[in-house]
Amino acid sequence: MLKDIFERRPKKRYVTLPVHSEDLAPVEVPSVKRCPRCGKRTREEELDINLKVCSACDYHFPLAAGERIWMVTDEGSFVEFDEGLTSLNPLEFPGYPEKLARAREASGLNEAVVTGKGTIYGEPTVLGVMDSRFMMGSMGSVVGEKVTRAFERAGEEKLPVIMFTASGGARMQEGMISLMQMAKTSAAVGRFSRKGLLYVAVLTHPTTGGVTASFATLADIVVTEPGTMVGFAGPRVIEQTIGQKVPPGFQQAEFLLQHGMIDRIVHRKEMKEFLGKLLVFHRSGGQRGV
């Protein structure tokens, strides 16, 4: 009778350890991430070694701004601009200050974009990197101001600009003020372009809304990482607006390259080398043999 009871009882998969045990050392459980594309589970340490790219399907996981800067700039070369700029609540939107505080705590940043100056293989450049952990990389007044200042400073110092975008679009809590940043940043790009300086935009997953419709797609050279979603509105909204079905995958980087919206798809492992060559080529005036 007892044997039958024990055979039917579910077996424990884990051993329960005493909470206060001086004889047992704490066990560290490795952090694991699941790939949203293929489902493979990988230890975070392994992902870090592989630049946060899935080894099974090549999915590019989102990067924090600091990780991106570390990957593409020369060690110790990056100096941040306007670090202390923070958003206010111009429309007195309920709950907005609390949401900003949570975003700052979660990301360790004051805003959704980090701008500054650094070198890539010794070539100086002004760099902007958006971080989707901060309210989905949405563009409010401070993001627009930091991007604008970056272009203005680069123009004064006659330096190229590289912008890594990752955004859900305009920040609804700032209403019309956030939409004005589209015109503001576009005007800054226009003034910068008239000086004959190089602007490279690297669109990362996802880049959507007002950022796509402004400075993200106004660059001299527009590249993306593999599989990046780039668009203004979502497919369902577009289909409802135009009254017809859209092609499958029409907002993916590969489709956009095929139809001429972007210039190249660059793998994360090749990004620093690619950008370094562009900077050298631009500095040399496009001479052969560079």
C-alpha atoms as a PDB file:
ATOM      1  CA  MET A   1       0.000   0.000   0.000  1.00  0.00           C
ATOM      2  CA  LEU A   2       2.731   2.485   0.952  1.00  0.00           C
ATOM      3  CA  LYS A   3       4.699   1.523  -2.161  1.00  0.00           C
ATOM      4  CA  ASP A   4       1.728   2.376  -4.422  1.00  0.00           C
ATOM      5  CA  ILE A   5       1.295   5.773  -2.736  1.00  0.00           C
ATOM      6  CA  PHE A   6       4.946   6.740  -3.244  1.00  0.00           C
ATOM      7  CA  GLU A   7       4.891   5.644  -6.905  1.00  0.00           C
ATOM      8  CA  ARG A   8       1.796   7.749  -7.650  1.00  0.00           C
ATOM      9  CA  ARG A   9       3.096  10.847  -5.797  1.00  0.00           C
ATOM     10  CA  PRO A  10       4.819  13.426  -8.052  1.00  0.00           C
ATOM     11  CA  LYS A  11       8.567  13.435  -7.627  1.00  0.00           C
ATOM     12  CA  LYS A  12      10.222  16.634  -6.404  1.00  0.00           C
ATOM     13  CA  ARG A  13      12.444  18.341  -8.945  1.00  0.00           C
ATOM     14  CA  TYR A  14      14.201  20.584  -6.448  1.00  0.00           C
ATOM     15  CA  VAL A  15      15.576  20.033  -2.980  1.00  0.00           C
ATOM     16  CA  THR A  16      14.258  22.373  -0.302  1.00  0.00           C
ATOM     17  CA  LEU A  17      17.181  23.864   1.618  1.00  0.00           C
ATOM     18  CA  PRO A  18      16.964  25.463   5.051  1.00  0.00           C
ATOM     19  CA  VAL A  19      16.728  29.237   4.909  1.00  0.00           C
ATOM     20  CA  HIS A  20      19.265  29.836   7.662  1.00  0.00           C
ATOM     21  CA  SER A  21      22.073  27.409   7.034  1.00  0.00           C
ATOM     22  CA  GLU A  22      25.644  28.271   7.935  1.00  0.00           C
ATOM     23  CA  ASP A  23      26.964  25.088   6.339  1.00  0.00           C
ATOM     24  CA  LEU A  24      25.622  25.741   2.823  1.00  0.00           C
ATOM     25  CA  ALA A  25      27.120  28.298   0.457  1.00  0.00           C
ATOM     26  CA  PRO A  26      24.661  30.338  -1.662  1.00  0.00           C
ATOM     27  CA  VAL A  27      24.084  28.893  -5.112  1.00  0.00           C
ATOM     28  CA  GLU A  28      24.247  31.292  -8.050  1.00  0.00           C
ATOM     29  CA  VAL A  29      21.712  30.482 -10.756  1.00  0.00           C
ATOM     30  CA  PRO A  30      22.901  31.708 -14.183  1.00  0.00           C
ATOM     31  CA  SER A  31      20.658  34.280 -15.853  1.00  0.00           C
ATOM     32  CA  VAL A  32      19.184  33.003 -19.107  1.00  0.00           C
ATOM     33  CA  LYS A  33      17.539  34.852 -21.992  1.00  0.00           C
ATOM     34  CA  ARG A  34      15.103  33.342 -24.459  1.00  0.00           C
ATOM     35  CA  CYS A  35      15.399  34.366 -28.106  1.00  0.00           C
ATOM     36  CA  PRO A  36      12.061  35.874 -29.223  1.00  0.00           C
ATOM     37  CA  ARG A  37      12.599  34.582 -32.774  1.00  0.00           C
ATOM     38  CA  CYS A  38      13.719  30.949 -32.416  1.00  0.00           C
ATOM     39  CA  GLY A  39      13.114  30.312 -28.721  1.00  0.00           C
ATOM     40  CA  LYS A  40      16.660  29.245 -27.898  1.00  0.00           C
ATOM     41  CA  ARG A  41      17.673  29.858 -24.294  1.00  0.00           C
ATOM     42  CA  THR A  42      21.166  31.248 -23.808  1.00  0.00           C
ATOM     43  CA  ARG A  43      23.114  32.297 -20.759  1.00  0.00           C
ATOM     44  CA  GLU A  44      23.601  36.034 -20.537  1.00  0.00           C
ATOM     45  CA  GLU A  45      27.386  35.618 -20.335  1.00  0.00           C
ATOM     46  CA  GLU A  46      27.371  33.763 -23.650  1.00  0.00           C
ATOM     47  CA  LEU A  47      25.155  36.423 -25.221  1.00  0.00           C
ATOM     48  CA  ASP A  48      27.523  39.150 -24.044  1.00  0.00           C
ATOM     49  CA  ILE A  49      30.482  37.364 -25.637  1.00  0.00           C
ATOM     50  CA  ASN A  50      28.506  37.127 -28.890  1.00  0.00           C
ATOM     51  CA  LEU A  51      27.569  40.851 -28.764  1.00  0.00           C
ATOM     52  CA  LYS A  52      23.999  39.886 -27.818  1.00  0.00           C
ATOM     53  CA  VAL A  53      23.336  38.072 -31.081  1.00  0.00           C
ATOM     54  CA  CYS A  54      21.539  34.711 -30.988  1.00  0.00           C
ATOM     55  CA  SER A  55      23.934  31.976 -32.129  1.00  0.00           C
ATOM     56  CA  ALA A  56      21.062  29.890 -33.526  1.00  0.00           C
ATOM     57  CA  CYS A  57      19.102  32.348 -35.694  1.00  0.00           C
ATOM     58  CA  ASP A  58      21.225  35.556 -35.682  1.00  0.00           C
ATOM     59  CA  TYR A  59      18.537  37.592 -33.907  1.00  0.00           C
ATOM     60  CA  HIS A  60      19.977  40.887 -32.681  1.00  0.00           C
ATOM     61  CA  PHE A  61      18.853  41.571 -29.128  1.00  0.00           C
ATOM     62  CA  PRO A  62      18.330  45.251 -28.203  1.00  0.00           C
ATOM     63  CA  LEU A  63      21.333  46.976 -26.667  1.00  0.00           C
ATOM     64  CA  ALA A  64      21.560  49.557 -23.914  1.00  0.00           C
ATOM     65  CA  ALA A  65      23.124  52.865 -24.941  1.00  0.00           C
ATOM     66  CA  GLY A  66      26.263  52.138 -22.918  1.00  0.00           C
ATOM     67  CA  GLU A  67      26.707  48.739 -24.557  1.00  0.00           C
ATOM     68  CA  ARG A  68      26.367  50.254 -28.020  1.00  0.00           C
ATOM     69  CA  ILE A  69      28.912  52.982 -27.268  1.00  0.00           C
ATOM     70  CA  TRP A  70      31.328  50.406 -25.850  1.00  0.00           C
ATOM     71  CA  MET A  71      31.012  48.272 -28.984  1.00  0.00           C
ATOM     72  CA  VAL A  72      31.625  50.964 -31.604  1.00  0.00           C
ATOM     73  CA  THR A  73      33.957  53.543 -30.025  1.00  0.00           C
ATOM     74  CA  ASP A  74      37.608  53.294 -29.078  1.00  0.00           C
ATOM     75  CA  GLU A  75      38.134  52.490 -25.418  1.00  0.00           C
ATOM     76  CA  GLY A  76      37.974  55.556 -23.185  1.00  0.00           C
ATOM     77  CA  SER A  77      37.355  57.967 -26.068  1.00  0.00           C
ATOM     78  CA  PHE A  78      33.683  58.799 -25.526  1.00  0.00           C
ATOM     79  CA  VAL A  79      32.801  62.075 -23.791  1.00  0.00           C
ATOM     80  CA  GLU A  80      29.097  62.676 -23.164  1.00  0.00           C
ATOM     81  CA  PHE A  81      27.241  65.900 -24.037  1.00  0.00           C
ATOM     82  CA  ASP A  82      24.347  67.408 -22.069  1.00  0.00           C
ATOM     83  CA  GLU A  83      24.174  64.597 -19.533  1.00  0.00           C
ATOM     84  CA  GLY A  84      22.197  66.683 -17.042  1.00  0.00           C
ATOM     85  CA  LEU A  85      19.271  67.591 -19.332  1.00  0.00           C
ATOM     86  CA  THR A  86      16.035  66.120 -17.978  1.00  0.00           C
ATOM     87  CA  SER A  87      12.378  66.323 -19.009  1.00  0.00           C
ATOM     88  CA  LEU A  88       9.798  68.448 -17.212  1.00  0.00           C
ATOM     89  CA  ASN A  89       6.031  68.074 -17.407  1.00  0.00           C
ATOM     90  CA  PRO A  90       4.971  71.000 -19.645  1.00  0.00           C
ATOM     91  CA  LEU A  91       1.384  69.777 -20.080  1.00  0.00           C
ATOM     92  CA  GLU A  92       1.016  68.651 -16.457  1.00  0.00           C
ATOM     93  CA  PHE A  93       0.208  65.183 -17.740  1.00  0.00           C
ATOM     94  CA  PRO A  94      -0.982  62.970 -14.860  1.00  0.00           C
ATOM     95  CA  GLY A  95       1.615  60.411 -13.759  1.00  0.00           C
ATOM     96  CA  TYR A  96       4.306  61.625 -16.174  1.00  0.00           C
ATOM     97  CA  PRO A  97       6.882  62.633 -13.499  1.00  0.00           C
ATOM     98  CA  GLU A  98       6.508  59.224 -11.857  1.00  0.00           C
ATOM     99  CA  LYS A  99       6.937  57.452 -15.196  1.00  0.00           C
ATOM    100  CA  LEU A 100      10.089  59.452 -15.906  1.00  0.00           C
ATOM    101  CA  ALA A 101      11.456  58.546 -12.486  1.00  0.00           C
ATOM    102  CA  ARG A 102      10.826  54.829 -13.125  1.00  0.00           C
ATOM    103  CA  ALA A 103      12.508  55.079 -16.532  1.00  0.00           C
ATOM    104  CA  ARG A 104      15.559  56.747 -15.002  1.00  0.00           C
ATOM    105  CA  GLU A 105      15.811  54.064 -12.362  1.00  0.00           C
ATOM    106  CA  ALA A 106      15.368  51.198 -14.842  1.00  0.00           C
ATOM    107  CA  SER A 107      17.831  52.499 -17.433  1.00  0.00           C
ATOM    108  CA  GLY A 108      20.325  54.471 -15.368  1.00  0.00           C
ATOM    109  CA  LEU A 109      19.911  57.316 -17.873  1.00  0.00           C
ATOM    110  CA  ASN A 110      18.409  60.781 -17.609  1.00  0.00           C
ATOM    111  CA  GLU A 111      16.766  60.522 -21.038  1.00  0.00           C
ATOM    112  CA  ALA A 112      16.154  58.220 -23.989  1.00  0.00           C
ATOM    113  CA  VAL A 113      19.213  59.337 -25.947  1.00  0.00           C
ATOM    114  CA  VAL A 114      22.894  59.646 -25.095  1.00  0.00           C
ATOM    115  CA  THR A 115      24.973  62.046 -27.198  1.00  0.00           C
ATOM    116  CA  GLY A 116      28.670  62.773 -27.145  1.00  0.00           C
ATOM    117  CA  LYS A 117      31.970  62.717 -28.986  1.00  0.00           C
ATOM    118  CA  GLY A 118      34.353  59.818 -29.442  1.00  0.00           C
ATOM    119  CA  THR A 119      36.636  58.087 -31.893  1.00  0.00           C
ATOM    120  CA  ILE A 120      36.223  54.979 -34.052  1.00  0.00           C
ATOM    121  CA  TYR A 121      39.613  53.548 -35.012  1.00  0.00           C
ATOM    122  CA  GLY A 122      41.029  56.962 -34.238  1.00  0.00           C
ATOM    123  CA  GLU A 123      38.521  58.867 -36.381  1.00  0.00           C
ATOM    124  CA  PRO A 124      36.650  61.530 -34.353  1.00  0.00           C
ATOM    125  CA  THR A 125      32.868  61.663 -34.621  1.00  0.00           C
ATOM    126  CA  VAL A 126      29.809  62.939 -32.800  1.00  0.00           C
ATOM    127  CA  LEU A 127      27.631  60.042 -31.704  1.00  0.00           C
ATOM    128  CA  GLY A 128      24.001  59.738 -30.645  1.00  0.00           C
ATOM    129  CA  VAL A 129      22.550  56.504 -29.258  1.00  0.00           C
ATOM    130  CA  MET A 130      18.887  55.982 -28.381  1.00  0.00           C
ATOM    131  CA  ASP A 131      17.941  53.541 -25.628  1.00  0.00           C
ATOM    132  CA  SER A 132      14.579  51.742 -25.844  1.00  0.00           C
ATOM    133  CA  ARG A 133      14.630  50.989 -22.099  1.00  0.00           C
ATOM    134  CA  PHE A 134      13.743  54.635 -21.454  1.00  0.00           C
ATOM    135  CA  MET A 135      10.039  54.859 -22.316  1.00  0.00           C
ATOM    136  CA  MET A 136      10.559  52.883 -25.533  1.00  0.00           C
ATOM    137  CA  GLY A 137      13.069  55.458 -26.781  1.00  0.00           C
ATOM    138  CA  SER A 138      10.254  57.944 -27.296  1.00  0.00           C
ATOM    139  CA  MET A 139      11.154  61.444 -28.470  1.00  0.00           C
ATOM    140  CA  GLY A 140      10.145  64.320 -26.219  1.00  0.00           C
ATOM    141  CA  SER A 141      11.516  67.820 -25.871  1.00  0.00           C
ATOM    142  CA  VAL A 142      14.805  66.755 -24.263  1.00  0.00           C
ATOM    143  CA  VAL A 143      15.534  64.038 -26.833  1.00  0.00           C
ATOM    144  CA  GLY A 144      14.895  66.562 -29.618  1.00  0.00           C
ATOM    145  CA  GLU A 145      17.087  69.140 -27.896  1.00  0.00           C
ATOM    146  CA  LYS A 146      19.979  66.727 -27.352  1.00  0.00           C
ATOM    147  CA  VAL A 147      19.870  65.510 -30.954  1.00  0.00           C
ATOM    148  CA  THR A 148      19.724  69.096 -32.238  1.00  0.00           C
ATOM    149  CA  ARG A 149      22.635  70.186 -30.049  1.00  0.00           C
ATOM    150  CA  ALA A 150      24.682  67.215 -31.239  1.00  0.00           C
ATOM    151  CA  PHE A 151      24.280  68.272 -34.877  1.00  0.00           C
ATOM    152  CA  GLU A 152      25.011  71.910 -34.048  1.00  0.00           C
ATOM    153  CA  ARG A 153      28.167  71.026 -32.149  1.00  0.00           C
ATOM    154  CA  ALA A 154      29.328  68.669 -34.890  1.00  0.00           C
ATOM    155  CA  GLY A 155      28.767  71.449 -37.424  1.00  0.00           C
ATOM    156  CA  GLU A 156      30.855  73.884 -35.400  1.00  0.00           C
ATOM    157  CA  GLU A 157      33.694  71.376 -34.996  1.00  0.00           C
ATOM    158  CA  LYS A 158      33.338  70.075 -38.584  1.00  0.00           C
ATOM    159  CA  LEU A 159      32.840  66.501 -37.416  1.00  0.00           C
ATOM    160  CA  PRO A 160      30.666  63.726 -38.870  1.00  0.00           C
ATOM    161  CA  VAL A 161      27.588  62.481 -36.991  1.00  0.00           C
ATOM    162  CA  ILE A 162      26.511  58.882 -36.403  1.00  0.00           C
ATOM    163  CA  MET A 163      23.044  58.328 -34.921  1.00  0.00           C
ATOM    164  CA  PHE A 164      21.840  54.957 -33.624  1.00  0.00           C
ATOM    165  CA  THR A 165      18.045  55.093 -33.477  1.00  0.00           C
ATOM    166  CA  ALA A 166      15.666  52.873 -31.508  1.00  0.00           C
ATOM    167  CA  SER A 167      12.302  54.459 -30.847  1.00  0.00           C
ATOM    168  CA  GLY A 168       8.587  54.010 -30.474  1.00  0.00           C
ATOM    169  CA  GLY A 169       8.029  57.533 -31.845  1.00  0.00           C
ATOM    170  CA  ALA A 170       6.886  60.794 -30.278  1.00  0.00           C
ATOM    171  CA  ARG A 171       6.194  60.951 -26.530  1.00  0.00           C
ATOM    172  CA  MET A 172       2.459  61.312 -26.029  1.00  0.00           C
ATOM    173  CA  GLN A 173       2.814  62.862 -22.551  1.00  0.00           C
ATOM    174  CA  GLU A 174       4.275  66.000 -24.158  1.00  0.00           C
ATOM    175  CA  GLY A 175       1.675  66.274 -26.918  1.00  0.00           C
ATOM    176  CA  MET A 176       2.360  68.881 -29.590  1.00  0.00           C
ATOM    177  CA  ILE A 177       5.713  69.734 -27.997  1.00  0.00           C
ATOM    178  CA  SER A 178       6.987  66.251 -28.807  1.00  0.00           C
ATOM    179  CA  LEU A 179       5.704  66.492 -32.394  1.00  0.00           C
ATOM    180  CA  MET A 180       7.580  69.783 -32.820  1.00  0.00           C
ATOM    181  CA  GLN A 181      10.823  67.873 -32.275  1.00  0.00           C
ATOM    182  CA  MET A 182      10.384  66.295 -35.709  1.00  0.00           C
ATOM    183  CA  ALA A 183      10.692  69.704 -37.377  1.00  0.00           C
ATOM    184  CA  LYS A 184      13.390  70.842 -34.971  1.00  0.00           C
ATOM    185  CA  THR A 185      15.692  67.863 -35.520  1.00  0.00           C
ATOM    186  CA  SER A 186      15.035  67.857 -39.289  1.00  0.00           C
ATOM    187  CA  ALA A 187      16.023  71.522 -39.492  1.00  0.00           C
ATOM    188  CA  ALA A 188      19.217  70.766 -37.554  1.00  0.00           C
ATOM    189  CA  VAL A 189      20.075  67.980 -40.010  1.00  0.00           C
ATOM    190  CA  GLY A 190      19.424  70.369 -42.908  1.00  0.00           C
ATOM    191  CA  ARG A 191      21.796  73.028 -41.532  1.00  0.00           C
ATOM    192  CA  PHE A 192      24.412  70.366 -40.857  1.00  0.00           C
ATOM    193  CA  SER A 193      24.073  68.893 -44.360  1.00  0.00           C
ATOM    194  CA  ARG A 194      24.577  72.273 -46.039  1.00  0.00           C
ATOM    195  CA  LYS A 195      28.051  72.369 -44.489  1.00  0.00           C
ATOM    196  CA  GLY A 196      28.986  69.299 -46.520  1.00  0.00           C
ATOM    197  CA  LEU A 197      29.498  67.072 -43.474  1.00  0.00           C
ATOM    198  CA  LEU A 198      28.724  63.367 -43.195  1.00  0.00           C
ATOM    199  CA  TYR A 199      25.667  62.027 -41.389  1.00  0.00           C
ATOM    200  CA  VAL A 200      25.231  58.265 -40.975  1.00  0.00           C
ATOM    201  CA  ALA A 201      22.047  56.825 -39.428  1.00  0.00           C
ATOM    202  CA  VAL A 202      22.028  53.293 -38.050  1.00  0.00           C
ATOM    203  CA  LEU A 203      18.421  52.170 -37.547  1.00  0.00           C
ATOM    204  CA  THR A 204      18.080  49.487 -34.891  1.00  0.00           C
ATOM    205  CA  HIS A 205      15.063  47.447 -33.823  1.00  0.00           C
ATOM    206  CA  PRO A 206      12.567  49.019 -33.661  1.00  0.00           C
ATOM    207  CA  THR A 207      12.710  52.488 -35.219  1.00  0.00           C
ATOM    208  CA  THR A 208       9.202  53.842 -35.687  1.00  0.00           C
ATOM    209  CA  GLY A 209       6.928  56.890 -35.541  1.00  0.00           C
ATOM    210  CA  GLY A 210       8.195  60.454 -35.473  1.00  0.00           C
ATOM    211  CA  VAL A 211      11.853  59.437 -35.256  1.00  0.00           C
ATOM    212  CA  THR A 212      11.552  57.502 -38.528  1.00  0.00           C
ATOM    213  CA  ALA A 213       9.688  60.453 -40.048  1.00  0.00           C
ATOM    214  CA  SER A 214      12.425  62.932 -39.087  1.00  0.00           C
ATOM    215  CA  PHE A 215      16.148  62.704 -38.412  1.00  0.00           C
ATOM    216  CA  ALA A 216      16.431  58.892 -38.642  1.00  0.00           C
ATOM    217  CA  THR A 217      15.866  58.777 -42.407  1.00  0.00           C
ATOM    218  CA  LEU A 218      17.474  62.078 -43.423  1.00  0.00           C
ATOM    219  CA  ALA A 219      21.041  60.784 -43.327  1.00  0.00           C
ATOM    220  CA  ASP A 220      23.504  60.656 -46.207  1.00  0.00           C
ATOM    221  CA  ILE A 221      23.874  56.932 -45.532  1.00  0.00           C
ATOM    222  CA  VAL A 222      21.138  54.883 -43.841  1.00  0.00           C
ATOM    223  CA  VAL A 223      21.979  51.391 -42.609  1.00  0.00           C
ATOM    224  CA  THR A 224      20.272  48.893 -40.319  1.00  0.00           C
ATOM    225  CA  GLU A 225      21.062  45.788 -38.361  1.00  0.00           C
ATOM    226  CA  PRO A 226      19.559  42.517 -39.702  1.00  0.00           C
ATOM    227  CA  GLY A 227      15.865  42.048 -38.990  1.00  0.00           C
ATOM    228  CA  THR A 228      15.267  45.622 -37.860  1.00  0.00           C
ATOM    229  CA  MET A 229      11.690  46.884 -38.013  1.00  0.00           C
ATOM    230  CA  VAL A 230      11.471  50.371 -39.503  1.00  0.00           C
ATOM    231  CA  GLY A 231       8.212  52.203 -40.088  1.00  0.00           C
ATOM    232  CA  PHE A 232       5.870  54.976 -39.074  1.00  0.00           C
ATOM    233  CA  ALA A 233       2.678  53.231 -37.989  1.00  0.00           C
ATOM    234  CA  GLY A 234       1.928  49.554 -37.457  1.00  0.00           C
ATOM    235  CA  PRO A 235       0.695  47.306 -40.296  1.00  0.00           C
ATOM    236  CA  ARG A 236      -2.871  47.143 -38.975  1.00  0.00           C
ATOM    237  CA  VAL A 237      -3.191  50.935 -38.811  1.00  0.00           C
ATOM    238  CA  ILE A 238      -1.788  51.259 -42.332  1.00  0.00           C
ATOM    239  CA  GLU A 239      -4.173  48.635 -43.712  1.00  0.00           C
ATOM    240  CA  GLN A 240      -7.144  50.372 -42.090  1.00  0.00           C
ATOM    241  CA  THR A 241      -6.016  53.706 -43.513  1.00  0.00           C
ATOM    242  CA  ILE A 242      -5.349  52.657 -47.104  1.00  0.00           C
ATOM    243  CA  GLY A 243      -8.013  49.940 -47.244  1.00  0.00           C
ATOM    244  CA  GLN A 244      -5.777  47.170 -48.565  1.00  0.00           C
ATOM    245  CA  LYS A 245      -3.379  44.495 -47.372  1.00  0.00           C
ATOM    246  CA  VAL A 246       0.314  45.304 -47.069  1.00  0.00           C
ATOM    247  CA  PRO A 247       3.047  42.890 -48.248  1.00  0.00           C
ATOM    248  CA  PRO A 248       4.368  40.496 -45.596  1.00  0.00           C
ATOM    249  CA  GLY A 249       7.490  41.775 -43.857  1.00  0.00           C
ATOM    250  CA  PHE A 250       7.286  45.134 -45.606  1.00  0.00           C
ATOM    251  CA  GLN A 251       8.719  46.960 -42.570  1.00  0.00           C
ATOM    252  CA  GLN A 252      11.697  44.644 -42.129  1.00  0.00           C
ATOM    253  CA  ALA A 253      15.224  45.719 -43.008  1.00  0.00           C
ATOM    254  CA  GLU A 254      15.576  43.131 -45.768  1.00  0.00           C
ATOM    255  CA  PHE A 255      12.415  44.349 -47.551  1.00  0.00           C
ATOM    256  CA  LEU A 256      13.485  47.983 -47.169  1.00  0.00           C
ATOM    257  CA  LEU A 257      16.916  47.277 -48.655  1.00  0.00           C
ATOM    258  CA  GLN A 258      15.319  45.553 -51.621  1.00  0.00           C
ATOM    259  CA  HIS A 259      13.102  48.581 -52.243  1.00  0.00           C
ATOM    260  CA  GLY A 260      15.732  51.266 -51.795  1.00  0.00           C
ATOM    261  CA  MET A 261      14.776  52.819 -48.453  1.00  0.00           C
ATOM    262  CA  ILE A 262      18.058  51.871 -46.787  1.00  0.00           C
ATOM    263  CA  ASP A 263      21.553  51.569 -48.196  1.00  0.00           C
ATOM    264  CA  ARG A 264      22.918  48.511 -46.446  1.00  0.00           C
ATOM    265  CA  ILE A 265      22.319  45.911 -43.739  1.00  0.00           C
ATOM    266  CA  VAL A 266      25.329  45.622 -41.436  1.00  0.00           C
ATOM    267  CA  HIS A 267      25.795  42.838 -38.911  1.00  0.00           C
ATOM    268  CA  ARG A 268      26.558  43.970 -35.363  1.00  0.00           C
ATOM    269  CA  LYS A 269      29.932  42.214 -35.425  1.00  0.00           C
ATOM    270  CA  GLU A 270      30.940  44.244 -38.478  1.00  0.00           C
ATOM    271  CA  MET A 271      29.461  47.593 -37.413  1.00  0.00           C
ATOM    272  CA  LYS A 272      32.534  49.254 -35.914  1.00  0.00           C
ATOM    273  CA  GLU A 273      34.745  48.334 -38.876  1.00  0.00           C
ATOM    274  CA  PHE A 274      32.078  49.508 -41.344  1.00  0.00           C
ATOM    275  CA  LEU A 275      31.634  52.865 -39.625  1.00  0.00           C
ATOM    276  CA  GLY A 276      35.390  53.341 -39.281  1.00  0.00           C
ATOM    277  CA  LYS A 277      35.862  52.848 -43.028  1.00  0.00           C
ATOM    278  CA  LEU A 278      33.089  55.343 -43.788  1.00  0.00           C
ATOM    279  CA  LEU A 279      34.743  57.963 -41.583  1.00  0.00           C
ATOM    280  CA  VAL A 280      38.135  57.458 -43.225  1.00  0.00           C
ATOM    281  CA  PHE A 281      36.585  57.559 -46.692  1.00  0.00           C
ATOM    282  CA  HIS A 282      34.773  60.821 -45.898  1.00  0.00           C
ATOM    283  CA  ARG A 283      37.836  62.467 -44.346  1.00  0.00           C
ATOM    284  CA  SER A 284      39.930  61.583 -47.383  1.00  0.00           C
ATOM    285  CA  GLY A 285      37.384  63.117 -49.724  1.00  0.00           C
ATOM    286  CA  GLY A 286      36.490  59.751 -51.241  1.00  0.00           C
ATOM    287  CA  GLN A 287      39.940  59.189 -52.738  1.00  0.00           C
ATOM    288  CA  ARG A 288      40.698  55.729 -54.041  1.00  0.00           C
ATOM    289  CA  GLY A 289      42.996  53.434 -52.155  1.00  0.00           C
ATOM    290  CA  VAL A 290      41.680  54.303 -48.692  1.00  0.00           C
END
